Amino acid sequence: MNVGRARELDRAFFDRAPELVAADIIGCTLLVEGCGGVVVESEAYGQRDPASHSFRGQTPRCKSMFGPPGTVYVYRTYGLHWCLNLVTEAEGVGAAVLIRALRPTHGLSAMRGRRAGMDDRLLCSGPGRLTQALAVSGSIDGLDLGVAGMTVTSRERDVDVIAVPRIGISQATDLPWRMVARGSRFLSRPIPRSMAA
């Protein structure tokens, strides 16, 4: 991925395998109506992946995951928290990248208000915290990024990305499809020390 002056990412960026997008989106800036920050953690999910919602085919819950690249896929987990995903690969494939954590940089006062004065390190460190801070809900599920009021801009500097096993799942736990920015203090959960070196 080219590094330099930030530019808004187009559909072609997302029209690739989810693990490639998950790695390349680390260091990019994601904003929702002007609030957000730099992506420091993501996870890839593909249709041949038993941990993916799309593994058994299209259902009402994961219909948006089969949309065009750059579609927003939002679902509720454990009946409590919204999770923000960006659809990848070609329409009909059923692949997406879960945005797990951001380093907050834009709209801090609004995000602090939504998170009840939470310490900035914890504002967006985890899928549920992130969506609460950004005021993301199921109302934008299935929309194109732009229509949903979201922008994702390219990296402005190099980022050391580490691929580690995903968390919070019970299947395909060996796949190194959780991507993190090395040394970030904004991750949802620390990576194993053996992988951080």
N, C-alpha and C. Protein backbone atom coordinates (compact mmCIF):
# COMPACT_ATOMS: atom_id res chain seq x y z
N MET A 1 0.85 -1.19 0.00
CA MET A 1 0.00 0.00 0.00
C MET A 1 0.89 1.24 0.00
N ASN A 2 0.60 2.18 -0.91
CA ASN A 2 1.39 3.40 -1.00
C ASN A 2 1.18 4.26 0.25
N VAL A 3 2.28 4.86 0.71
CA VAL A 3 2.22 5.73 1.88
C VAL A 3 2.59 7.13 1.44
N GLY A 4 1.93 8.12 1.98
CA GLY A 4 2.19 9.50 1.61
C GLY A 4 1.00 10.34 2.00
N ARG A 5 0.63 11.25 1.13
CA ARG A 5 -0.52 12.10 1.41
C ARG A 5 -1.80 11.26 1.45
N ALA A 6 -2.60 11.48 2.49
CA ALA A 6 -3.81 10.69 2.67
C ALA A 6 -4.80 10.95 1.54
N ARG A 7 -5.43 9.88 1.08
CA ARG A 7 -6.48 9.98 0.07
C ARG A 7 -7.61 9.03 0.46
N GLU A 8 -8.81 9.37 0.05
CA GLU A 8 -9.94 8.50 0.37
C GLU A 8 -9.83 7.20 -0.41
N LEU A 9 -10.04 6.09 0.27
CA LEU A 9 -9.92 4.79 -0.38
C LEU A 9 -11.15 4.52 -1.24
N ASP A 10 -10.91 3.96 -2.41
CA ASP A 10 -12.02 3.66 -3.32
C ASP A 10 -12.43 2.19 -3.23
N ARG A 11 -13.41 1.83 -4.01
CA ARG A 11 -13.95 0.47 -3.99
C ARG A 11 -12.89 -0.58 -4.31
N ALA A 12 -11.93 -0.22 -5.16
CA ALA A 12 -10.88 -1.17 -5.53
C ALA A 12 -10.06 -1.62 -4.32
N PHE A 13 -9.88 -0.74 -3.35
CA PHE A 13 -9.14 -1.11 -2.14
C PHE A 13 -9.82 -2.28 -1.43
N PHE A 14 -11.15 -2.26 -1.38
CA PHE A 14 -11.91 -3.28 -0.68
C PHE A 14 -12.18 -4.52 -1.53
N ASP A 15 -11.97 -4.42 -2.83
CA ASP A 15 -12.27 -5.53 -3.74
C ASP A 15 -11.10 -6.52 -3.79
N ARG A 16 -10.74 -7.03 -2.61
CA ARG A 16 -9.65 -7.99 -2.47
C ARG A 16 -9.98 -8.96 -1.33
N ALA A 17 -9.16 -9.98 -1.18
CA ALA A 17 -9.36 -10.94 -0.10
C ALA A 17 -9.38 -10.23 1.25
N PRO A 18 -10.23 -10.68 2.18
CA PRO A 18 -10.38 -9.97 3.46
C PRO A 18 -9.09 -9.87 4.27
N GLU A 19 -8.24 -10.90 4.23
CA GLU A 19 -7.01 -10.83 5.02
C GLU A 19 -6.05 -9.77 4.48
N LEU A 20 -6.11 -9.49 3.17
CA LEU A 20 -5.28 -8.43 2.60
C LEU A 20 -5.80 -7.06 3.01
N VAL A 21 -7.12 -6.90 2.94
CA VAL A 21 -7.72 -5.63 3.34
C VAL A 21 -7.52 -5.39 4.83
N ALA A 22 -7.67 -6.45 5.63
CA ALA A 22 -7.51 -6.31 7.08
C ALA A 22 -6.11 -5.82 7.44
N ALA A 23 -5.10 -6.31 6.72
CA ALA A 23 -3.73 -5.86 6.98
C ALA A 23 -3.50 -4.44 6.49
N ASP A 24 -4.00 -4.14 5.30
CA ASP A 24 -3.74 -2.83 4.70
C ASP A 24 -4.55 -1.70 5.31
N ILE A 25 -5.63 -2.03 6.03
CA ILE A 25 -6.44 -0.97 6.64
C ILE A 25 -5.84 -0.49 7.96
N ILE A 26 -4.89 -1.26 8.50
CA ILE A 26 -4.20 -0.82 9.71
C ILE A 26 -3.38 0.43 9.36
N GLY A 27 -3.57 1.49 10.14
CA GLY A 27 -2.90 2.75 9.86
C GLY A 27 -3.73 3.72 9.04
N CYS A 28 -4.84 3.24 8.48
CA CYS A 28 -5.76 4.13 7.75
C CYS A 28 -6.66 4.85 8.76
N THR A 29 -7.23 5.96 8.35
CA THR A 29 -8.12 6.72 9.23
C THR A 29 -9.56 6.48 8.85
N LEU A 30 -10.36 6.07 9.82
CA LEU A 30 -11.79 5.80 9.61
C LEU A 30 -12.59 6.81 10.41
N LEU A 31 -13.46 7.53 9.72
CA LEU A 31 -14.31 8.53 10.37
C LEU A 31 -15.78 8.25 10.06
N VAL A 32 -16.62 8.48 11.05
CA VAL A 32 -18.08 8.41 10.89
C VAL A 32 -18.62 9.76 11.30
N GLU A 33 -19.13 10.51 10.33
CA GLU A 33 -19.64 11.86 10.59
C GLU A 33 -18.61 12.69 11.36
N GLY A 34 -17.35 12.56 10.97
CA GLY A 34 -16.29 13.37 11.55
C GLY A 34 -15.65 12.84 12.82
N CYS A 35 -16.15 11.73 13.35
CA CYS A 35 -15.58 11.13 14.57
C CYS A 35 -14.85 9.84 14.21
N GLY A 36 -13.73 9.61 14.87
CA GLY A 36 -13.02 8.35 14.64
C GLY A 36 -11.54 8.48 14.87
N GLY A 37 -10.77 7.72 14.09
CA GLY A 37 -9.33 7.74 14.27
C GLY A 37 -8.63 6.74 13.40
N VAL A 38 -7.43 6.39 13.80
CA VAL A 38 -6.56 5.51 13.02
C VAL A 38 -6.84 4.06 13.41
N VAL A 39 -7.07 3.23 12.41
CA VAL A 39 -7.35 1.81 12.65
C VAL A 39 -6.08 1.13 13.16
N VAL A 40 -6.17 0.49 14.33
CA VAL A 40 -5.01 -0.21 14.90
C VAL A 40 -5.25 -1.71 15.06
N GLU A 41 -6.48 -2.15 14.81
CA GLU A 41 -6.79 -3.57 14.95
C GLU A 41 -7.98 -3.94 14.09
N SER A 42 -7.87 -5.05 13.38
CA SER A 42 -8.95 -5.53 12.51
C SER A 42 -8.91 -7.05 12.47
N GLU A 43 -9.97 -7.65 11.96
CA GLU A 43 -10.01 -9.10 11.75
C GLU A 43 -10.68 -9.40 10.43
N ALA A 44 -10.16 -10.40 9.73
CA ALA A 44 -10.70 -10.82 8.43
C ALA A 44 -11.62 -12.02 8.61
N TYR A 45 -12.70 -12.05 7.80
CA TYR A 45 -13.63 -13.17 7.78
C TYR A 45 -14.04 -13.44 6.33
N GLY A 46 -13.90 -14.70 5.90
CA GLY A 46 -14.25 -15.07 4.53
C GLY A 46 -15.28 -16.18 4.50
N GLN A 47 -15.87 -16.42 3.32
CA GLN A 47 -16.98 -17.37 3.22
C GLN A 47 -16.56 -18.81 3.50
N ARG A 48 -15.31 -19.18 3.22
CA ARG A 48 -14.86 -20.55 3.49
C ARG A 48 -14.30 -20.69 4.90
N ASP A 49 -14.55 -19.72 5.72
CA ASP A 49 -14.05 -19.63 7.09
C ASP A 49 -15.17 -20.01 8.05
N PRO A 50 -15.04 -21.13 8.79
CA PRO A 50 -16.14 -21.55 9.67
C PRO A 50 -16.48 -20.56 10.78
N ALA A 51 -15.60 -19.60 11.06
CA ALA A 51 -15.90 -18.58 12.07
C ALA A 51 -16.70 -17.41 11.49
N SER A 52 -16.90 -17.42 10.18
CA SER A 52 -17.57 -16.30 9.51
C SER A 52 -19.08 -16.47 9.48
N HIS A 53 -19.81 -15.38 9.57
CA HIS A 53 -21.27 -15.41 9.46
C HIS A 53 -21.71 -15.93 8.09
N SER A 54 -20.86 -15.77 7.08
CA SER A 54 -21.23 -16.16 5.72
C SER A 54 -20.93 -17.62 5.39
N PHE A 55 -20.38 -18.36 6.33
CA PHE A 55 -19.92 -19.72 6.08
C PHE A 55 -21.03 -20.62 5.56
N ARG A 56 -22.23 -20.48 6.08
CA ARG A 56 -23.36 -21.32 5.66
C ARG A 56 -24.23 -20.65 4.60
N GLY A 57 -23.72 -19.60 4.03
CA GLY A 57 -24.47 -18.92 2.98
C GLY A 57 -25.20 -17.69 3.49
N GLN A 58 -25.88 -17.04 2.58
CA GLN A 58 -26.57 -15.79 2.90
C GLN A 58 -27.80 -16.04 3.77
N THR A 59 -27.92 -15.26 4.83
CA THR A 59 -29.08 -15.29 5.72
C THR A 59 -29.54 -13.85 5.91
N PRO A 60 -30.72 -13.64 6.48
CA PRO A 60 -31.15 -12.26 6.72
C PRO A 60 -30.14 -11.48 7.56
N ARG A 61 -29.49 -12.15 8.53
CA ARG A 61 -28.53 -11.45 9.39
C ARG A 61 -27.30 -10.98 8.62
N CYS A 62 -26.77 -11.84 7.74
CA CYS A 62 -25.51 -11.51 7.08
C CYS A 62 -25.67 -11.10 5.62
N LYS A 63 -26.89 -10.76 5.21
CA LYS A 63 -27.15 -10.39 3.82
C LYS A 63 -26.18 -9.31 3.33
N SER A 64 -25.92 -8.30 4.16
CA SER A 64 -25.06 -7.19 3.74
C SER A 64 -23.63 -7.63 3.46
N MET A 65 -23.21 -8.72 4.08
CA MET A 65 -21.86 -9.24 3.89
C MET A 65 -21.64 -9.70 2.46
N PHE A 66 -22.71 -9.94 1.73
CA PHE A 66 -22.64 -10.39 0.34
C PHE A 66 -22.79 -9.22 -0.64
N GLY A 67 -22.80 -8.02 -0.13
CA GLY A 67 -22.95 -6.83 -0.97
C GLY A 67 -21.66 -6.47 -1.68
N PRO A 68 -21.66 -5.36 -2.41
CA PRO A 68 -20.46 -4.91 -3.12
C PRO A 68 -19.35 -4.51 -2.15
N PRO A 69 -18.10 -4.59 -2.58
CA PRO A 69 -16.99 -4.14 -1.74
C PRO A 69 -17.21 -2.69 -1.30
N GLY A 70 -16.93 -2.42 -0.03
CA GLY A 70 -17.14 -1.07 0.50
C GLY A 70 -18.51 -0.90 1.14
N THR A 71 -19.30 -1.98 1.18
CA THR A 71 -20.58 -1.94 1.88
C THR A 71 -20.33 -2.06 3.38
N VAL A 72 -21.18 -1.41 4.17
CA VAL A 72 -21.09 -1.50 5.62
C VAL A 72 -21.92 -2.68 6.10
N TYR A 73 -21.33 -3.53 6.91
CA TYR A 73 -22.04 -4.66 7.52
C TYR A 73 -21.99 -4.47 9.03
N VAL A 74 -23.15 -4.21 9.63
CA VAL A 74 -23.23 -3.99 11.08
C VAL A 74 -24.17 -5.04 11.66
N TYR A 75 -23.72 -5.70 12.70
CA TYR A 75 -24.56 -6.68 13.38
C TYR A 75 -24.40 -6.51 14.89
N ARG A 76 -25.36 -7.08 15.61
CA ARG A 76 -25.32 -7.01 17.07
C ARG A 76 -24.78 -8.33 17.61
N THR A 77 -23.87 -8.24 18.56
CA THR A 77 -23.29 -9.43 19.17
C THR A 77 -23.77 -9.59 20.61
N TYR A 78 -24.10 -10.80 20.98
CA TYR A 78 -24.60 -11.12 22.32
C TYR A 78 -25.82 -10.27 22.69
N GLY A 79 -26.51 -9.75 21.70
CA GLY A 79 -27.69 -8.93 21.96
C GLY A 79 -27.40 -7.59 22.60
N LEU A 80 -26.11 -7.23 22.66
CA LEU A 80 -25.71 -6.02 23.38
C LEU A 80 -25.02 -4.99 22.51
N HIS A 81 -23.98 -5.40 21.80
CA HIS A 81 -23.08 -4.45 21.14
C HIS A 81 -23.14 -4.57 19.62
N TRP A 82 -23.09 -3.42 18.97
CA TRP A 82 -22.98 -3.41 17.51
C TRP A 82 -21.52 -3.64 17.12
N CYS A 83 -21.30 -4.28 15.98
CA CYS A 83 -19.97 -4.50 15.45
C CYS A 83 -19.92 -3.97 14.02
N LEU A 84 -18.88 -3.22 13.70
CA LEU A 84 -18.73 -2.57 12.40
C LEU A 84 -17.77 -3.36 11.52
N ASN A 85 -18.27 -3.74 10.34
CA ASN A 85 -17.49 -4.48 9.35
C ASN A 85 -17.57 -3.77 8.01
N LEU A 86 -16.53 -3.94 7.21
CA LEU A 86 -16.52 -3.41 5.85
C LEU A 86 -16.38 -4.58 4.89
N VAL A 87 -17.29 -4.66 3.93
CA VAL A 87 -17.34 -5.80 3.00
C VAL A 87 -16.18 -5.73 2.02
N THR A 88 -15.61 -6.92 1.75
CA THR A 88 -14.49 -7.03 0.82
C THR A 88 -14.82 -8.03 -0.29
N GLU A 89 -13.93 -8.17 -1.22
CA GLU A 89 -14.04 -9.05 -2.38
C GLU A 89 -15.25 -8.69 -3.24
N ALA A 90 -15.53 -9.53 -4.21
CA ALA A 90 -16.59 -9.25 -5.17
C ALA A 90 -17.97 -9.44 -4.54
N GLU A 91 -18.94 -8.75 -5.10
CA GLU A 91 -20.32 -8.90 -4.64
C GLU A 91 -20.73 -10.36 -4.72
N GLY A 92 -21.39 -10.84 -3.66
CA GLY A 92 -21.86 -12.22 -3.63
C GLY A 92 -20.91 -13.19 -2.98
N VAL A 93 -19.70 -12.76 -2.65
CA VAL A 93 -18.70 -13.67 -2.06
C VAL A 93 -18.95 -13.90 -0.57
N GLY A 94 -19.28 -12.85 0.16
CA GLY A 94 -19.53 -13.00 1.60
C GLY A 94 -18.28 -12.90 2.44
N ALA A 95 -17.54 -11.80 2.31
CA ALA A 95 -16.32 -11.58 3.07
C ALA A 95 -16.33 -10.17 3.63
N ALA A 96 -15.69 -9.99 4.78
CA ALA A 96 -15.67 -8.67 5.41
C ALA A 96 -14.52 -8.56 6.41
N VAL A 97 -14.25 -7.32 6.79
CA VAL A 97 -13.24 -7.03 7.80
C VAL A 97 -13.91 -6.35 8.98
N LEU A 98 -13.75 -6.94 10.15
CA LEU A 98 -14.25 -6.36 11.39
C LEU A 98 -13.26 -5.31 11.88
N ILE A 99 -13.74 -4.12 12.16
CA ILE A 99 -12.89 -3.06 12.72
C ILE A 99 -12.95 -3.21 14.24
N ARG A 100 -11.83 -3.63 14.84
CA ARG A 100 -11.80 -3.95 16.27
C ARG A 100 -11.37 -2.78 17.15
N ALA A 101 -10.50 -1.90 16.65
CA ALA A 101 -10.02 -0.82 17.50
C ALA A 101 -9.44 0.32 16.68
N LEU A 102 -9.59 1.53 17.22
CA LEU A 102 -9.03 2.74 16.63
C LEU A 102 -8.20 3.48 17.68
N ARG A 103 -7.23 4.23 17.21
CA ARG A 103 -6.58 5.25 18.04
C ARG A 103 -7.36 6.53 17.80
N PRO A 104 -8.14 7.00 18.77
CA PRO A 104 -9.03 8.14 18.52
C PRO A 104 -8.27 9.43 18.23
N THR A 105 -8.66 10.11 17.15
CA THR A 105 -7.99 11.35 16.75
C THR A 105 -8.95 12.47 16.38
N HIS A 106 -10.18 12.15 16.02
CA HIS A 106 -11.14 13.15 15.53
C HIS A 106 -12.44 13.07 16.34
N GLY A 107 -13.00 14.23 16.67
CA GLY A 107 -14.29 14.26 17.37
C GLY A 107 -14.20 13.71 18.78
N LEU A 108 -13.09 13.98 19.45
CA LEU A 108 -12.87 13.40 20.77
C LEU A 108 -13.94 13.80 21.79
N SER A 109 -14.36 15.04 21.78
CA SER A 109 -15.34 15.45 22.79
C SER A 109 -16.67 14.72 22.59
N ALA A 110 -17.08 14.53 21.34
CA ALA A 110 -18.33 13.80 21.07
C ALA A 110 -18.20 12.35 21.49
N MET A 111 -17.05 11.74 21.20
CA MET A 111 -16.86 10.33 21.56
C MET A 111 -16.77 10.18 23.07
N ARG A 112 -16.12 11.11 23.75
CA ARG A 112 -16.05 11.04 25.22
C ARG A 112 -17.44 11.14 25.83
N GLY A 113 -18.28 11.99 25.25
CA GLY A 113 -19.65 12.12 25.74
C GLY A 113 -20.44 10.83 25.56
N ARG A 114 -20.26 10.17 24.43
CA ARG A 114 -20.98 8.91 24.18
C ARG A 114 -20.46 7.78 25.05
N ARG A 115 -19.21 7.89 25.49
CA ARG A 115 -18.60 6.84 26.30
C ARG A 115 -18.48 7.26 27.77
N ALA A 116 -19.27 8.25 28.17
CA ALA A 116 -19.35 8.68 29.57
C ALA A 116 -18.00 9.01 30.18
N GLY A 117 -17.21 9.79 29.46
CA GLY A 117 -15.94 10.25 30.00
C GLY A 117 -14.86 9.20 30.10
N MET A 118 -15.02 8.10 29.39
CA MET A 118 -14.04 7.02 29.41
C MET A 118 -12.66 7.54 29.02
N ASP A 119 -11.63 6.99 29.63
CA ASP A 119 -10.26 7.31 29.28
C ASP A 119 -10.06 7.14 27.77
N ASP A 120 -9.32 8.07 27.16
CA ASP A 120 -9.16 8.04 25.70
C ASP A 120 -8.61 6.72 25.19
N ARG A 121 -7.78 6.05 25.97
CA ARG A 121 -7.23 4.77 25.53
C ARG A 121 -8.31 3.73 25.32
N LEU A 122 -9.42 3.87 26.05
CA LEU A 122 -10.50 2.89 25.99
C LEU A 122 -11.68 3.34 25.14
N LEU A 123 -11.63 4.54 24.58
CA LEU A 123 -12.76 5.05 23.80
C LEU A 123 -13.17 4.09 22.68
N CYS A 124 -12.20 3.61 21.94
CA CYS A 124 -12.47 2.80 20.74
C CYS A 124 -11.70 1.49 20.76
N SER A 125 -11.37 0.97 21.94
CA SER A 125 -10.56 -0.24 22.03
C SER A 125 -11.45 -1.46 22.22
N GLY A 126 -12.02 -1.91 21.14
CA GLY A 126 -12.92 -3.05 21.13
C GLY A 126 -14.11 -2.76 20.25
N PRO A 127 -14.66 -3.77 19.58
CA PRO A 127 -15.75 -3.53 18.62
C PRO A 127 -16.96 -2.81 19.21
N GLY A 128 -17.39 -3.19 20.42
CA GLY A 128 -18.55 -2.55 21.03
C GLY A 128 -18.27 -1.13 21.49
N ARG A 129 -17.12 -0.91 22.07
CA ARG A 129 -16.74 0.45 22.49
C ARG A 129 -16.63 1.36 21.28
N LEU A 130 -16.03 0.84 20.22
CA LEU A 130 -15.82 1.61 19.00
C LEU A 130 -17.15 2.09 18.41
N THR A 131 -18.11 1.17 18.28
CA THR A 131 -19.39 1.56 17.68
C THR A 131 -20.16 2.52 18.58
N GLN A 132 -20.02 2.37 19.89
CA GLN A 132 -20.68 3.32 20.80
C GLN A 132 -20.06 4.70 20.65
N ALA A 133 -18.74 4.76 20.60
CA ALA A 133 -18.06 6.05 20.46
C ALA A 133 -18.39 6.73 19.15
N LEU A 134 -18.57 5.93 18.08
CA LEU A 134 -18.85 6.49 16.76
C LEU A 134 -20.34 6.63 16.47
N ALA A 135 -21.17 6.21 17.42
CA ALA A 135 -22.64 6.24 17.25
C ALA A 135 -23.07 5.41 16.05
N VAL A 136 -22.44 4.25 15.89
CA VAL A 136 -22.79 3.32 14.80
C VAL A 136 -23.84 2.34 15.31
N SER A 137 -24.87 2.12 14.50
CA SER A 137 -25.90 1.15 14.85
C SER A 137 -26.33 0.40 13.59
N GLY A 138 -27.28 -0.49 13.76
CA GLY A 138 -27.78 -1.27 12.64
C GLY A 138 -28.46 -0.44 11.56
N SER A 139 -28.71 0.83 11.83
CA SER A 139 -29.38 1.68 10.84
C SER A 139 -28.55 1.89 9.58
N ILE A 140 -27.22 1.68 9.67
CA ILE A 140 -26.38 1.87 8.48
C ILE A 140 -25.98 0.54 7.84
N ASP A 141 -26.48 -0.56 8.37
CA ASP A 141 -26.18 -1.86 7.79
C ASP A 141 -26.65 -1.92 6.34
N GLY A 142 -25.77 -2.37 5.47
CA GLY A 142 -26.12 -2.52 4.06
C GLY A 142 -25.88 -1.30 3.20
N LEU A 143 -25.48 -0.19 3.82
CA LEU A 143 -25.24 1.03 3.05
C LEU A 143 -23.81 1.08 2.53
N ASP A 144 -23.61 1.82 1.46
CA ASP A 144 -22.27 2.11 0.98
C ASP A 144 -21.60 3.02 2.00
N LEU A 145 -20.27 2.92 2.10
CA LEU A 145 -19.53 3.74 3.06
C LEU A 145 -19.94 5.21 3.04
N GLY A 146 -19.92 5.81 1.86
CA GLY A 146 -20.23 7.23 1.73
C GLY A 146 -21.64 7.55 2.16
N VAL A 147 -22.60 6.72 1.77
CA VAL A 147 -24.00 6.93 2.13
C VAL A 147 -24.17 6.82 3.64
N ALA A 148 -23.36 5.97 4.27
CA ALA A 148 -23.43 5.78 5.72
C ALA A 148 -22.72 6.89 6.49
N GLY A 149 -22.16 7.88 5.78
CA GLY A 149 -21.46 8.99 6.44
C GLY A 149 -20.06 8.64 6.89
N MET A 150 -19.49 7.60 6.26
CA MET A 150 -18.16 7.13 6.64
C MET A 150 -17.14 7.45 5.56
N THR A 151 -15.91 7.71 6.02
CA THR A 151 -14.78 7.83 5.09
C THR A 151 -13.63 7.01 5.65
N VAL A 152 -12.87 6.41 4.75
CA VAL A 152 -11.64 5.72 5.13
C VAL A 152 -10.55 6.28 4.23
N THR A 153 -9.52 6.85 4.86
CA THR A 153 -8.42 7.43 4.08
C THR A 153 -7.15 6.64 4.31
N SER A 154 -6.29 6.70 3.31
CA SER A 154 -5.07 5.89 3.30
C SER A 154 -4.09 6.28 4.41
N ARG A 155 -3.13 5.40 4.64
CA ARG A 155 -2.07 5.66 5.61
C ARG A 155 -1.26 6.88 5.20
N GLU A 156 -0.82 7.61 6.19
CA GLU A 156 0.09 8.73 5.94
C GLU A 156 1.53 8.37 6.30
N ARG A 157 1.71 7.25 6.99
CA ARG A 157 3.07 6.81 7.35
C ARG A 157 3.08 5.29 7.42
N ASP A 158 4.27 4.72 7.38
CA ASP A 158 4.42 3.28 7.47
C ASP A 158 3.94 2.77 8.83
N VAL A 159 3.38 1.57 8.83
CA VAL A 159 2.90 0.94 10.05
C VAL A 159 3.45 -0.49 10.08
N ASP A 160 3.91 -0.91 11.26
CA ASP A 160 4.37 -2.28 11.43
C ASP A 160 3.17 -3.13 11.82
N VAL A 161 2.67 -3.93 10.88
CA VAL A 161 1.47 -4.73 11.09
C VAL A 161 1.85 -6.15 11.46
N ILE A 162 1.24 -6.67 12.51
CA ILE A 162 1.47 -8.04 12.95
C ILE A 162 0.19 -8.84 12.72
N ALA A 163 0.31 -10.03 12.14
CA ALA A 163 -0.82 -10.94 11.95
C ALA A 163 -0.79 -11.99 13.06
N VAL A 164 -1.88 -12.05 13.83
CA VAL A 164 -1.97 -12.98 14.95
C VAL A 164 -3.34 -13.68 14.90
N PRO A 165 -3.53 -14.75 15.67
CA PRO A 165 -4.84 -15.43 15.67
C PRO A 165 -5.96 -14.50 16.15
N ARG A 166 -7.15 -14.72 15.60
CA ARG A 166 -8.31 -13.93 16.00
C ARG A 166 -8.74 -14.29 17.41
N ILE A 167 -9.55 -13.43 18.00
CA ILE A 167 -10.02 -13.64 19.37
C ILE A 167 -11.55 -13.60 19.41
N GLY A 168 -12.12 -14.16 20.48
CA GLY A 168 -13.56 -14.11 20.66
C GLY A 168 -14.33 -15.07 19.77
N ILE A 169 -13.65 -16.07 19.20
CA ILE A 169 -14.30 -17.05 18.34
C ILE A 169 -13.92 -18.44 18.84
N SER A 170 -14.67 -19.46 18.38
CA SER A 170 -14.38 -20.83 18.81
C SER A 170 -13.94 -21.72 17.66
N GLN A 171 -14.04 -21.24 16.42
CA GLN A 171 -13.64 -22.03 15.27
C GLN A 171 -12.57 -21.29 14.47
N ALA A 172 -11.75 -22.06 13.74
CA ALA A 172 -10.68 -21.48 12.91
C ALA A 172 -9.83 -20.51 13.71
N THR A 173 -9.56 -20.86 14.96
CA THR A 173 -8.79 -19.98 15.84
C THR A 173 -7.31 -19.93 15.47
N ASP A 174 -6.89 -20.84 14.60
CA ASP A 174 -5.47 -20.86 14.20
C ASP A 174 -5.14 -19.88 13.09
N LEU A 175 -6.16 -19.40 12.38
CA LEU A 175 -5.89 -18.47 11.28
C LEU A 175 -5.34 -17.15 11.81
N PRO A 176 -4.21 -16.68 11.30
CA PRO A 176 -3.63 -15.41 11.77
C PRO A 176 -4.28 -14.22 11.06
N TRP A 177 -5.58 -14.07 11.26
CA TRP A 177 -6.33 -13.04 10.53
C TRP A 177 -6.74 -11.87 11.42
N ARG A 178 -6.17 -11.76 12.60
CA ARG A 178 -6.30 -10.54 13.41
C ARG A 178 -5.05 -9.72 13.14
N MET A 179 -5.25 -8.52 12.64
CA MET A 179 -4.13 -7.64 12.29
C MET A 179 -4.05 -6.51 13.30
N VAL A 180 -2.85 -6.25 13.79
CA VAL A 180 -2.68 -5.19 14.79
C VAL A 180 -1.47 -4.34 14.44
N ALA A 181 -1.51 -3.10 14.90
CA ALA A 181 -0.37 -2.20 14.77
C ALA A 181 0.57 -2.49 15.94
N ARG A 182 1.79 -2.90 15.63
CA ARG A 182 2.74 -3.25 16.68
C ARG A 182 2.94 -2.07 17.64
N GLY A 183 2.86 -2.37 18.93
CA GLY A 183 3.13 -1.37 19.95
C GLY A 183 1.98 -0.44 20.28
N SER A 184 0.83 -0.60 19.60
CA SER A 184 -0.30 0.30 19.90
C SER A 184 -0.86 0.01 21.29
N ARG A 185 -1.14 1.08 22.03
CA ARG A 185 -1.75 0.92 23.36
C ARG A 185 -3.28 0.99 23.29
N PHE A 186 -3.82 1.04 22.07
CA PHE A 186 -5.27 1.18 21.89
C PHE A 186 -5.94 -0.13 21.46
N LEU A 187 -5.23 -1.24 21.48
CA LEU A 187 -5.79 -2.53 21.07
C LEU A 187 -6.89 -2.98 22.02
N SER A 188 -7.80 -3.81 21.51
CA SER A 188 -8.87 -4.33 22.36
C SER A 188 -8.34 -5.32 23.38
N ARG A 189 -7.28 -6.02 23.01
CA ARG A 189 -6.63 -6.97 23.90
C ARG A 189 -5.17 -7.09 23.49
N PRO A 190 -4.25 -7.13 24.44
CA PRO A 190 -2.83 -7.24 24.06
C PRO A 190 -2.58 -8.51 23.28
N ILE A 191 -1.55 -8.48 22.45
CA ILE A 191 -1.15 -9.69 21.74
C ILE A 191 -0.15 -10.45 22.60
N PRO A 192 -0.01 -11.76 22.36
CA PRO A 192 0.96 -12.53 23.16
C PRO A 192 2.35 -11.92 23.08
N ARG A 193 3.05 -11.91 24.21
CA ARG A 193 4.37 -11.31 24.24
C ARG A 193 5.32 -11.93 23.23
N SER A 194 5.16 -13.23 23.01
CA SER A 194 6.04 -13.91 22.07
C SER A 194 5.88 -13.40 20.65
N MET A 195 4.70 -12.82 20.36
CA MET A 195 4.43 -12.30 19.02
C MET A 195 4.74 -10.81 18.92
N ALA A 196 4.86 -10.15 20.05
CA ALA A 196 5.07 -8.71 20.06
C ALA A 196 6.52 -8.32 19.83
N ALA A 197 7.44 -9.27 20.02
CA ALA A 197 8.87 -8.96 19.90
C ALA A 197 9.27 -8.68 18.46
